[in-house]
Structure formats: C-alpha cells, structure tokens
Amino acid sequence: MAQQRRISLGLKQEDLAEMAGISAKTIYLLERGRGNAAFDTLEKIFNVLGLVILVQVKSVEG
C-alpha cells in the first residue's frame, strides 16, 4: 500500500526517505518485505504519504 501511494504521489524512494528523515535503504527494504522497522519509522513514512496507521488491541483468550 505504501509503495503504491508513494508512486501515485510521484515520489522516488530517495524523495520519501529524505522527507521522512530516514535512509533510502530502509524504504527499499520495507517495500520488498525485507525490512524490520520500528513503529516510529513507519509513522514517519506514513505521515509523509498522508496515511494513518490504526492499531487494534485485542485480548487473547488462552
């Protein structure tokens, strides 16, 4: 979803990385499903892309 949004906005990976204050390598890895980013990193990316992360907390019955 984030990659499609980036492309629709006409941004290169390098552009997104600079705007989010992270490395282009991080964007590259995440878009290929090989990255392991912290929540705050994802939040920076999604903020630039105009997207929101929603977290749902559920209890697990054991």
Protein backbone atom coordinates (compact mmCIF):
# COMPACT_ATOMS: atom_id res chain seq x y z
CA MET A 1 0.00 0.00 0.00
CA ALA A 2 2.74 2.47 0.93
CA GLN A 3 4.68 1.79 -2.26
CA GLN A 4 1.58 2.36 -4.41
CA ARG A 5 0.86 5.59 -2.55
CA ARG A 6 4.47 6.77 -2.98
CA ILE A 7 4.31 6.11 -6.71
CA SER A 8 0.92 7.81 -7.06
CA LEU A 9 2.41 10.91 -5.41
CA GLY A 10 5.28 10.87 -7.91
CA LEU A 11 7.90 10.30 -5.23
CA LYS A 12 11.09 8.29 -5.65
CA GLN A 13 12.28 6.16 -2.74
CA GLU A 14 15.01 8.73 -2.15
CA ASP A 15 12.45 11.55 -2.01
CA LEU A 16 10.32 9.73 0.54
CA ALA A 17 13.35 8.83 2.63
CA GLU A 18 14.56 12.43 2.73
CA MET A 19 11.11 13.78 3.59
CA ALA A 20 10.68 11.18 6.37
CA GLY A 21 14.21 11.63 7.72
CA ILE A 22 15.24 8.01 7.19
CA SER A 23 17.54 6.16 4.81
CA ALA A 24 16.57 5.22 1.26
CA LYS A 25 17.80 1.70 2.04
CA THR A 26 15.12 1.42 4.75
CA ILE A 27 12.43 2.34 2.22
CA TYR A 28 13.88 -0.12 -0.30
CA LEU A 29 13.88 -3.00 2.21
CA LEU A 30 10.41 -2.27 3.56
CA GLU A 31 8.90 -2.12 0.09
CA ARG A 32 10.34 -5.55 -0.63
CA GLY A 33 9.10 -7.04 2.63
CA ARG A 34 12.62 -7.47 3.97
CA GLY A 35 12.76 -4.58 6.42
CA ASN A 36 12.08 -4.58 10.12
CA ALA A 37 11.20 -1.02 11.05
CA ALA A 38 10.22 0.39 14.41
CA PHE A 39 6.73 1.85 14.77
CA ASP A 40 8.06 5.41 14.81
CA THR A 41 9.83 4.84 11.50
CA LEU A 42 6.64 3.54 9.91
CA GLU A 43 4.77 6.51 11.35
CA LYS A 44 7.23 8.93 9.71
CA ILE A 45 6.80 7.22 6.34
CA PHE A 46 3.01 7.12 6.58
CA ASN A 47 2.82 10.76 7.68
CA VAL A 48 4.70 11.84 4.56
CA LEU A 49 2.39 9.70 2.43
CA GLY A 50 -0.73 11.11 4.10
CA LEU A 51 -1.69 7.72 5.51
CA VAL A 52 -2.67 6.74 9.06
CA ILE A 53 -1.69 3.64 11.00
CA LEU A 54 -4.52 2.17 13.05
CA VAL A 55 -3.71 -0.30 15.82
CA GLN A 56 -6.35 -2.57 17.28
CA VAL A 57 -5.67 -4.21 20.63
CA LYS A 58 -7.45 -7.48 21.36
CA SER A 59 -7.18 -9.78 24.31
CA VAL A 60 -6.21 -13.34 23.54
CA GLU A 61 -8.13 -15.99 25.40
CA GLY A 62 -5.83 -18.83 26.39
